[in-house]
N, C-alpha and C. Protein backbone atom coordinates (compact mmCIF):
# COMPACT_ATOMS: atom_id res chain seq x y z
N UNK A 1 61.06 64.69 64.78
CA UNK A 1 61.13 64.70 63.06
C UNK A 1 60.07 64.96 62.98
N UNK A 2 59.57 65.99 61.75
CA UNK A 2 58.51 66.23 61.10
C UNK A 2 57.78 65.25 60.38
N UNK A 3 56.20 65.43 59.84
CA UNK A 3 55.41 64.74 59.01
C UNK A 3 56.58 64.04 57.99
N UNK A 4 56.87 65.56 57.08
CA UNK A 4 57.46 65.28 55.51
C UNK A 4 58.78 64.18 55.83
N UNK A 5 59.50 64.52 56.78
CA UNK A 5 60.75 63.27 56.59
C UNK A 5 60.30 62.14 56.85
N UNK A 6 59.22 61.94 57.59
CA UNK A 6 59.06 60.22 58.20
C UNK A 6 58.53 60.12 56.60
N UNK A 7 57.72 60.61 55.69
CA UNK A 7 57.20 59.94 54.65
C UNK A 7 58.19 60.05 53.52
N UNK A 8 59.19 60.64 53.31
CA UNK A 8 60.21 60.92 52.51
C UNK A 8 60.79 59.20 53.03
N UNK A 9 61.44 59.17 54.14
CA UNK A 9 62.12 58.02 54.82
C UNK A 9 61.43 56.35 54.52
N UNK A 10 60.03 56.76 54.56
CA UNK A 10 58.95 55.37 54.24
C UNK A 10 59.43 55.45 52.58
N UNK A 11 58.95 56.20 51.91
CA UNK A 11 58.83 56.10 50.53
C UNK A 11 60.26 55.86 50.46
N UNK A 12 61.43 56.04 50.84
CA UNK A 12 62.74 55.54 50.13
C UNK A 12 63.61 54.66 50.54
N UNK A 13 62.84 54.13 51.96
CA UNK A 13 63.91 53.31 52.36
C UNK A 13 64.26 52.19 51.51
N UNK A 14 64.65 51.20 51.81
CA UNK A 14 64.67 49.93 51.16
C UNK A 14 63.63 48.78 51.33
N UNK A 15 62.76 48.56 50.55
CA UNK A 15 61.77 47.36 50.59
C UNK A 15 61.62 46.33 49.61
N UNK A 16 61.55 45.05 50.23
CA UNK A 16 61.63 44.01 49.46
C UNK A 16 60.02 43.40 49.14
N UNK A 17 59.98 42.91 48.20
CA UNK A 17 58.84 42.41 47.33
C UNK A 17 58.77 41.15 47.16
N UNK A 18 57.65 40.86 47.55
CA UNK A 18 57.24 39.06 47.62
C UNK A 18 55.83 38.92 46.60
N UNK A 19 55.97 37.62 46.30
CA UNK A 19 54.13 36.87 45.66
C UNK A 19 53.97 35.69 46.75
N UNK A 20 53.47 35.67 47.61
CA UNK A 20 52.57 34.96 48.15
C UNK A 20 51.12 34.11 47.17
N UNK A 21 51.19 32.71 47.37
CA UNK A 21 50.31 31.90 46.75
C UNK A 21 48.69 32.28 47.62
N UNK A 22 47.90 32.03 47.49
CA UNK A 22 46.85 32.44 48.02
C UNK A 22 46.08 31.02 48.07
N UNK A 23 45.99 30.71 49.48
CA UNK A 23 45.15 29.47 49.76
C UNK A 23 43.87 29.47 49.48
N UNK A 24 43.71 27.69 48.92
CA UNK A 24 42.29 27.89 48.93
C UNK A 24 41.54 27.14 49.75
N UNK A 25 40.10 27.60 50.11
CA UNK A 25 39.49 27.32 51.53
C UNK A 25 39.60 25.84 52.30
N UNK A 26 40.13 24.55 51.38
CA UNK A 26 40.42 23.59 51.99
C UNK A 26 41.64 23.71 52.34
N UNK A 27 42.56 24.01 51.88
CA UNK A 27 43.98 24.51 52.73
C UNK A 27 43.60 25.00 54.12
N UNK A 28 42.85 26.46 53.92
CA UNK A 28 42.83 26.73 55.30
C UNK A 28 42.32 25.82 55.88
N UNK A 29 41.18 25.23 56.06
CA UNK A 29 40.81 23.98 56.78
C UNK A 29 41.60 23.18 57.30
N UNK A 30 42.24 22.44 56.60
CA UNK A 30 43.64 21.52 56.81
C UNK A 30 44.16 22.47 57.91
N UNK A 31 44.89 23.74 57.76
CA UNK A 31 45.54 24.58 58.63
C UNK A 31 44.71 24.48 60.13
N UNK A 32 43.50 24.72 59.67
CA UNK A 32 42.89 25.13 60.91
C UNK A 32 42.51 24.18 62.18
N UNK A 33 42.42 22.79 60.91
CA UNK A 33 42.29 21.30 61.69
C UNK A 33 43.69 21.43 62.75
N UNK A 34 44.43 21.54 61.88
CA UNK A 34 45.99 21.42 62.84
C UNK A 34 46.00 22.04 63.60
N UNK A 35 45.69 23.42 64.09
CA UNK A 35 46.23 24.27 64.88
C UNK A 35 45.32 24.10 66.18
N UNK A 36 43.93 23.70 65.55
CA UNK A 36 42.76 23.39 66.68
C UNK A 36 43.31 21.99 67.68
N UNK A 37 44.08 21.19 66.74
CA UNK A 37 44.62 19.88 67.17
C UNK A 37 45.86 20.23 68.68
N UNK A 38 46.49 21.02 68.09
CA UNK A 38 47.21 21.48 68.85
C UNK A 38 47.07 22.06 70.15
N UNK A 39 46.05 23.19 70.13
CA UNK A 39 45.46 23.76 71.06
C UNK A 39 44.49 23.07 72.02
N UNK A 40 44.04 21.90 71.56
CA UNK A 40 43.08 20.89 72.33
C UNK A 40 44.01 19.92 73.03
N UNK A 41 45.32 19.72 72.46
CA UNK A 41 46.29 18.77 72.83
C UNK A 41 47.05 19.91 74.08
N UNK A 42 47.12 21.11 74.03
CA UNK A 42 47.62 21.39 75.25
C UNK A 42 46.95 21.89 76.27
N UNK A 43 45.64 21.99 75.59
CA UNK A 43 44.70 21.94 77.13
C UNK A 43 45.00 20.91 77.77
N UNK A 44 44.81 19.60 77.19
CA UNK A 44 44.77 18.54 77.79
C UNK A 44 45.90 18.03 78.65
N UNK A 45 47.05 18.51 78.47
CA UNK A 45 48.38 18.45 78.83
C UNK A 45 48.22 18.95 80.39
N UNK A 46 47.75 20.15 80.27
CA UNK A 46 47.80 20.58 81.25
C UNK A 46 47.28 19.55 82.89
N UNK A 47 46.20 18.70 82.64
CA UNK A 47 45.44 18.26 83.36
C UNK A 47 46.10 16.81 83.70
N UNK A 48 46.90 16.37 82.68
CA UNK A 48 47.55 15.41 82.09
C UNK A 48 48.97 15.19 82.71
N UNK A 49 49.06 15.94 82.32
CA UNK A 49 50.80 16.31 82.74
C UNK A 49 51.16 17.26 83.80
N UNK A 50 50.58 17.61 85.11
CA UNK A 50 50.49 18.56 86.22
C UNK A 50 52.08 18.87 86.47
N UNK A 51 52.55 17.67 86.65
CA UNK A 51 53.84 17.90 87.28
C UNK A 51 55.33 17.59 86.27
N UNK A 52 54.58 17.53 84.94
CA UNK A 52 55.86 18.17 84.18
C UNK A 52 56.15 18.74 83.57
N UNK A 53 55.60 19.32 82.42
CA UNK A 53 55.68 20.79 81.76
C UNK A 53 54.18 20.58 80.89
N UNK A 54 53.28 21.22 81.43
CA UNK A 54 51.90 21.20 81.06
C UNK A 54 51.89 22.28 79.40
N UNK A 55 51.51 21.85 78.37
CA UNK A 55 51.06 22.77 77.64
C UNK A 55 52.32 22.79 76.41
N UNK A 56 53.48 22.05 76.79
CA UNK A 56 54.72 22.34 76.21
C UNK A 56 54.05 22.08 74.61
N UNK A 57 53.65 21.36 74.34
CA UNK A 57 52.98 21.01 73.00
C UNK A 57 53.92 19.56 72.37
N UNK A 58 53.08 19.10 70.91
CA UNK A 58 53.42 18.22 70.53
C UNK A 58 54.55 18.48 69.30
N UNK A 59 56.08 18.26 69.35
CA UNK A 59 56.67 19.51 68.67
C UNK A 59 56.70 18.79 67.51
N UNK A 60 56.33 17.34 67.08
CA UNK A 60 56.02 16.44 65.47
C UNK A 60 54.84 17.66 64.82
N UNK A 61 53.79 17.66 66.16
CA UNK A 61 52.43 18.28 65.51
C UNK A 61 52.90 19.90 65.22
N UNK A 62 53.92 20.64 65.79
CA UNK A 62 54.25 22.06 65.59
C UNK A 62 55.16 22.08 64.15
N UNK A 63 55.77 20.98 64.00
CA UNK A 63 56.89 20.86 62.61
C UNK A 63 55.42 20.31 61.64
N UNK A 64 54.32 19.69 61.37
CA UNK A 64 53.83 19.74 60.96
C UNK A 64 52.71 20.88 60.06
N UNK A 65 52.60 21.51 61.36
CA UNK A 65 52.06 22.43 61.27
C UNK A 65 52.61 24.00 60.37
N UNK A 66 53.88 23.98 60.63
CA UNK A 66 54.51 24.44 60.09
C UNK A 66 55.06 24.37 58.59
N UNK A 67 55.68 23.24 58.36
CA UNK A 67 55.18 22.76 56.83
C UNK A 67 54.33 23.01 56.26
N UNK A 68 53.14 22.57 56.50
CA UNK A 68 51.94 23.12 55.65
C UNK A 68 51.86 24.86 55.87
N UNK A 69 51.77 25.48 56.95
CA UNK A 69 51.69 26.89 56.42
C UNK A 69 52.76 27.24 55.57
N UNK A 70 53.93 27.02 55.47
CA UNK A 70 54.85 27.31 54.60
C UNK A 70 54.33 26.72 52.92
N UNK A 71 53.77 25.62 52.70
CA UNK A 71 53.47 24.85 51.76
C UNK A 71 52.30 25.53 51.37
N UNK A 72 51.28 26.03 51.92
CA UNK A 72 50.34 26.67 51.04
C UNK A 72 49.94 28.11 51.34
N UNK A 73 51.02 28.84 52.06
CA UNK A 73 51.17 30.44 51.87
C UNK A 73 53.02 30.46 51.48
N UNK A 74 52.93 29.70 50.13
CA UNK A 74 54.57 29.94 49.73
C UNK A 74 54.42 31.19 49.13
N UNK A 75 55.85 31.71 49.58
CA UNK A 75 56.34 32.75 49.21
C UNK A 75 57.33 32.96 47.92
N UNK A 76 57.49 34.14 47.23
CA UNK A 76 58.56 33.67 45.96
C UNK A 76 59.14 35.29 46.73
N UNK A 77 60.40 35.10 46.81
CA UNK A 77 61.11 36.83 46.64
C UNK A 77 61.20 37.42 45.32
N UNK A 78 60.86 38.65 45.04
CA UNK A 78 60.68 38.70 43.96
C UNK A 78 61.73 40.01 43.65
N UNK A 79 62.16 40.50 44.84
CA UNK A 79 63.35 41.48 44.62
C UNK A 79 63.31 42.65 45.94
N UNK A 80 63.89 43.84 45.45
CA UNK A 80 64.16 44.55 46.28
C UNK A 80 65.02 45.98 46.09
N UNK A 81 63.49 46.76 46.25
CA UNK A 81 63.96 48.51 45.95
C UNK A 81 64.60 49.16 47.02
N UNK A 82 65.88 50.03 46.83
CA UNK A 82 66.43 50.36 47.50
C UNK A 82 67.06 52.23 47.39
N UNK A 83 66.67 53.17 47.95
CA UNK A 83 66.88 54.59 47.82
C UNK A 83 68.19 54.53 46.73
N UNK A 84 67.77 54.82 45.15
CA UNK A 84 68.90 55.40 44.69
C UNK A 84 69.74 54.55 44.16
N UNK A 85 69.20 53.13 44.02
CA UNK A 85 69.70 51.94 43.31
C UNK A 85 68.72 51.45 42.52
N UNK A 86 68.90 50.78 41.48
CA UNK A 86 68.18 50.19 40.62
C UNK A 86 67.37 48.96 41.02
N UNK A 87 66.12 48.80 41.16
CA UNK A 87 65.51 47.44 41.86
C UNK A 87 66.39 46.34 41.70
N UNK A 88 66.52 45.30 42.72
CA UNK A 88 66.97 44.22 42.53
C UNK A 88 66.38 42.80 42.71
N UNK A 89 66.63 42.17 41.34
CA UNK A 89 65.53 41.36 41.32
C UNK A 89 66.42 39.85 42.00
N UNK A 90 65.40 39.26 42.62
CA UNK A 90 65.97 38.24 42.89
C UNK A 90 65.68 36.83 41.94
N UNK A 91 66.86 36.17 41.95
CA UNK A 91 66.89 34.97 40.99
C UNK A 91 65.57 33.63 41.48
N UNK A 92 65.17 33.50 40.64
CA UNK A 92 64.06 32.15 40.66
C UNK A 92 63.73 31.68 39.48
N UNK A 93 64.73 30.72 39.18
CA UNK A 93 64.44 30.23 37.73
C UNK A 93 63.30 29.22 37.80
N UNK A 94 62.87 28.61 38.99
CA UNK A 94 61.71 28.09 38.84
C UNK A 94 60.14 28.62 38.74
N UNK A 95 60.27 30.04 38.66
CA UNK A 95 58.90 30.95 38.21
C UNK A 95 59.14 32.14 37.56
N UNK A 96 60.19 32.55 37.22
CA UNK A 96 60.35 33.27 36.12
C UNK A 96 61.71 33.38 35.86
N UNK A 97 62.26 33.77 34.17
CA UNK A 97 63.46 33.81 33.92
C UNK A 97 63.71 35.53 33.56
N UNK A 98 64.85 36.00 33.86
CA UNK A 98 65.15 36.99 33.98
C UNK A 98 64.82 38.40 32.47
N UNK A 99 63.87 38.39 32.39
CA UNK A 99 62.85 39.19 31.35
C UNK A 99 61.81 39.51 32.15
N UNK A 100 61.27 41.14 31.70
CA UNK A 100 60.41 41.75 31.96
C UNK A 100 59.27 40.85 31.68
N UNK A 101 58.67 40.22 30.43
CA UNK A 101 58.13 39.68 30.34
C UNK A 101 57.94 38.27 31.00
N UNK A 102 58.69 37.87 31.54
CA UNK A 102 58.70 36.26 31.96
C UNK A 102 57.98 36.96 33.61
N UNK A 103 58.84 38.20 34.12
CA UNK A 103 58.39 38.60 35.53
C UNK A 103 56.91 39.07 35.61
N UNK A 104 56.58 39.61 34.81
CA UNK A 104 55.37 40.36 34.67
C UNK A 104 54.00 39.06 34.31
N UNK A 105 54.63 38.28 33.38
CA UNK A 105 53.80 37.00 33.49
C UNK A 105 53.42 36.25 34.96
N UNK A 106 54.50 36.25 35.70
CA UNK A 106 54.57 35.90 37.09
C UNK A 106 53.40 36.57 38.05
N UNK A 107 54.07 37.48 38.03
CA UNK A 107 52.79 38.49 39.10
C UNK A 107 51.92 38.58 38.64
N UNK A 108 51.44 38.51 37.52
CA UNK A 108 49.99 38.64 36.80
C UNK A 108 49.04 36.92 37.25
N UNK A 109 49.77 36.31 37.24
CA UNK A 109 48.98 35.01 37.21
C UNK A 109 47.78 34.80 38.74
N UNK A 110 46.70 33.76 38.24
CA UNK A 110 45.91 34.16 39.10
C UNK A 110 46.35 32.79 40.61
N UNK A 111 45.83 33.41 41.32
CA UNK A 111 45.94 32.32 42.83
C UNK A 111 47.25 33.07 43.77
N UNK A 112 47.84 33.91 43.28
CA UNK A 112 48.84 34.52 43.69
C UNK A 112 48.92 36.22 44.05
N UNK A 113 49.30 36.69 45.21
CA UNK A 113 49.45 38.01 45.71
C UNK A 113 50.15 38.80 45.81
N UNK A 114 50.77 40.23 44.87
CA UNK A 114 52.05 40.51 45.61
C UNK A 114 51.81 41.77 46.52
N UNK A 115 52.93 41.68 47.01
CA UNK A 115 52.94 42.60 48.37
C UNK A 115 54.36 42.80 48.52
N UNK A 116 54.54 43.97 49.52
CA UNK A 116 55.83 44.32 49.93
C UNK A 116 56.15 43.58 51.29
N UNK A 117 57.20 44.05 52.11
CA UNK A 117 57.19 43.48 53.58
C UNK A 117 56.98 43.88 54.57
N UNK A 118 56.34 45.05 54.14
CA UNK A 118 55.18 45.44 55.53
C UNK A 118 53.55 44.93 55.25
N UNK A 119 53.28 43.95 54.39
CA UNK A 119 52.09 43.27 54.22
C UNK A 119 51.15 44.20 53.20
N UNK A 120 51.61 45.44 52.63
CA UNK A 120 51.01 45.78 51.68
C UNK A 120 50.74 45.34 50.49
N UNK A 121 49.27 44.99 49.82
CA UNK A 121 49.58 44.61 48.86
C UNK A 121 50.06 45.81 47.06
N UNK A 122 50.35 45.05 46.49
CA UNK A 122 50.62 45.94 45.34
C UNK A 122 50.22 45.60 44.06
N UNK A 123 49.51 46.19 43.20
CA UNK A 123 48.84 46.32 42.20
C UNK A 123 50.13 45.86 41.35
N UNK A 124 49.91 44.34 40.52
CA UNK A 124 50.72 43.77 39.38
C UNK A 124 50.58 44.75 38.59
N UNK A 125 49.71 45.97 37.86
CA UNK A 125 49.93 46.40 36.88
C UNK A 125 50.63 47.82 37.04
N UNK A 126 51.08 47.85 38.34
CA UNK A 126 51.51 49.33 38.48
C UNK A 126 53.17 48.99 39.23
N UNK A 127 53.39 47.99 39.43
CA UNK A 127 54.51 47.67 39.86
C UNK A 127 55.43 47.89 39.23
N UNK A 128 55.88 47.44 37.80
CA UNK A 128 57.06 47.78 37.00
C UNK A 128 56.99 49.47 37.23
N UNK A 129 56.08 50.14 36.69
CA UNK A 129 56.19 51.72 37.00
C UNK A 129 56.65 52.13 38.61
N UNK A 130 56.22 51.33 39.50
CA UNK A 130 56.24 52.16 40.89
C UNK A 130 57.85 51.49 41.62
N UNK A 131 58.27 50.43 40.98
CA UNK A 131 59.68 49.84 41.70
C UNK A 131 60.51 49.71 40.79
N UNK A 132 60.38 49.51 39.22
CA UNK A 132 61.37 49.18 38.42
C UNK A 132 61.76 50.57 37.61
N UNK A 133 61.02 50.68 36.52
CA UNK A 133 60.99 52.10 35.81
C UNK A 133 61.65 53.37 36.58
N UNK A 134 61.16 53.49 37.96
CA UNK A 134 61.25 54.72 38.53
C UNK A 134 62.50 54.88 38.94
N UNK A 135 63.36 54.37 39.06
CA UNK A 135 64.54 53.88 39.09
C UNK A 135 65.41 53.35 38.23
N UNK A 136 65.35 53.27 36.73
CA UNK A 136 66.33 53.20 35.72
C UNK A 136 67.45 53.68 35.64
N UNK A 137 67.44 55.01 36.05
CA UNK A 137 69.13 55.33 36.30
C UNK A 137 69.77 55.75 37.70
N UNK A 138 69.19 54.58 38.42
CA UNK A 138 69.65 54.43 39.73
C UNK A 138 70.81 53.19 39.96
N UNK A 139 72.05 53.30 41.08
CA UNK A 139 72.89 52.59 40.92
C UNK A 139 72.57 51.36 40.60
N UNK A 140 73.91 50.86 40.39
CA UNK A 140 74.15 49.55 39.99
C UNK A 140 75.44 49.30 40.78
N UNK A 141 75.70 47.78 40.81
CA UNK A 141 77.19 47.47 41.63
C UNK A 141 78.34 47.92 40.63
N UNK A 142 78.18 47.92 39.96
CA UNK A 142 79.39 48.91 38.72
C UNK A 142 79.35 49.91 38.95
N UNK A 143 78.39 50.83 38.82
CA UNK A 143 78.08 52.34 38.50
C UNK A 143 78.56 52.62 40.18
N UNK A 144 78.15 52.20 41.47
CA UNK A 144 78.88 52.20 42.65
C UNK A 144 80.19 52.10 42.84
N UNK A 145 80.31 51.00 42.45
CA UNK A 145 81.97 50.93 42.52
C UNK A 145 83.22 51.87 41.79
N UNK A 146 82.46 52.44 40.70
CA UNK A 146 83.11 53.55 39.82
C UNK A 146 82.97 54.53 40.60
N UNK A 147 82.13 54.83 41.37
CA UNK A 147 82.35 56.24 42.29
C UNK A 147 82.72 56.21 43.20
N UNK A 148 82.76 54.52 44.24
CA UNK A 148 83.57 54.80 44.96
C UNK A 148 85.25 54.94 44.71
N UNK A 149 85.48 54.64 43.51
CA UNK A 149 87.18 55.03 43.57
C UNK A 149 87.43 56.02 43.07
N UNK A 150 86.44 56.65 42.54
CA UNK A 150 86.57 58.26 42.08
C UNK A 150 86.47 58.79 43.19
N UNK A 151 85.97 58.59 43.97
CA UNK A 151 86.05 59.26 45.75
C UNK A 151 87.30 58.73 46.48
N UNK A 152 88.00 58.05 45.85
CA UNK A 152 89.36 57.98 46.79
C UNK A 152 89.22 56.69 47.64
N UNK A 153 87.81 55.94 48.02
CA UNK A 153 87.62 55.33 48.93
C UNK A 153 86.82 54.20 48.89
N UNK A 154 87.68 53.50 47.73
CA UNK A 154 86.69 51.93 47.43
C UNK A 154 87.35 50.66 48.14
N UNK A 155 86.54 50.00 48.77
CA UNK A 155 86.57 49.24 50.08
C UNK A 155 86.02 47.69 49.35
N UNK A 156 85.42 47.47 48.57
CA UNK A 156 84.86 46.17 48.29
C UNK A 156 84.00 46.26 47.02
N UNK A 157 83.55 45.30 46.18
CA UNK A 157 83.06 44.97 45.09
C UNK A 157 81.75 45.06 45.15
N UNK A 158 80.81 46.12 45.24
CA UNK A 158 79.60 45.71 45.16
C UNK A 158 78.78 44.96 43.92
N UNK A 159 79.79 45.19 42.76
CA UNK A 159 79.48 44.46 41.47
C UNK A 159 79.12 43.04 41.57
N UNK A 160 80.33 42.35 42.26
CA UNK A 160 80.76 40.89 42.48
C UNK A 160 79.02 40.31 42.97
N UNK A 161 78.10 41.24 43.59
CA UNK A 161 76.84 40.33 44.37
C UNK A 161 76.02 40.55 43.25
N UNK A 162 75.92 41.33 42.24
CA UNK A 162 74.85 41.10 41.11
C UNK A 162 75.12 40.71 39.62
N UNK A 163 74.38 40.76 38.89
CA UNK A 163 74.49 41.02 36.93
C UNK A 163 73.32 41.72 36.55
N UNK A 164 73.85 42.76 35.59
CA UNK A 164 72.93 43.39 35.30
C UNK A 164 72.83 42.67 33.51
N UNK A 165 70.88 42.19 33.36
CA UNK A 165 71.06 41.54 31.89
C UNK A 165 71.45 42.83 30.88
N UNK A 166 71.28 41.97 29.35
CA UNK A 166 71.37 42.75 28.42
C UNK A 166 69.73 44.09 28.24
N UNK A 167 69.14 43.53 28.87
CA UNK A 167 67.71 44.48 29.03
C UNK A 167 67.99 45.56 30.13
N UNK A 168 69.13 45.51 30.77
CA UNK A 168 69.12 46.62 31.84
C UNK A 168 68.55 46.16 33.06
N UNK A 169 68.05 44.99 33.68
CA UNK A 169 67.65 44.57 34.85
C UNK A 169 68.72 43.97 35.47
N UNK A 170 68.55 44.48 36.73
CA UNK A 170 69.70 43.89 37.99
C UNK A 170 69.08 42.60 38.71
N UNK A 171 70.06 42.05 38.81
CA UNK A 171 69.46 40.72 39.43
C UNK A 171 70.80 40.37 40.30
N UNK A 172 70.49 39.95 41.40
CA UNK A 172 71.38 39.22 42.37
C UNK A 172 72.12 38.10 41.80
N UNK A 173 72.99 37.49 42.25
CA UNK A 173 73.94 35.89 42.29
C UNK A 173 73.59 34.98 43.35
N UNK A 174 72.97 35.57 43.84
CA UNK A 174 72.23 34.56 45.01
C UNK A 174 71.26 35.11 45.86
N UNK A 175 70.19 33.75 46.18
CA UNK A 175 68.82 34.23 46.44
C UNK A 175 68.68 34.84 48.04
N UNK A 176 69.88 34.82 48.60
CA UNK A 176 70.26 35.28 50.13
C UNK A 176 70.73 36.42 49.97
N UNK A 177 69.88 37.66 50.02
CA UNK A 177 70.08 38.86 50.30
C UNK A 177 68.54 40.01 51.19
N UNK A 178 68.70 40.59 51.43
CA UNK A 178 67.44 41.25 51.95
C UNK A 178 67.93 43.22 51.86
C-alpha cells in the first residue's frame, strides 16, 4: 500500500474526540503514593507469601488506584467524526448543552485538554473547523436512510440512533457509541 493511501485512510477514518481533566500536582502525588504502595506491597509479598501467590497484590488497593485515576484524569467523550458523516456529538448535559456556544465554552475551559483517541492534542480554536464545519454536508441518519431506500436496500434506521438540532448539530441519543 502506498503512502498516499495510508494518509487518506488515517485522515478520514472514524476518530473519537475527548476532553481530559489535567491533574494538579497534588493529585499526581496522590496517585504516585498509591502506585508506590502497591509496588512495595507486591515486592514484600514475594518473601512473605512464597508458597501462596506472591505479588498477586491487594485488590482493594488496586480498586482505590483505579478510582483515583478515573477521578483525577476524568474524560468526557465529545463525539466522533467518520468519513462522509457529519460530526456526531456525544450527549453530556452535565458539561454542555446542544449548542455550538456551549460546546466551545466547554472545550476552551482551563484545566482540561482536548485530544483524539490516538492521544494527539487538538487545538480547541481549530476543533470546530477541522472536525465539525468540514463535514457540514455529510451524512446524517436521515439522509443515509433516504439514500438506502433509494438504492433499494434499506435494512435498518440509522436515524433512530441520533437527532439533529435546529442548528444542524448531530447528537447521539445515547452516550454508549464508538
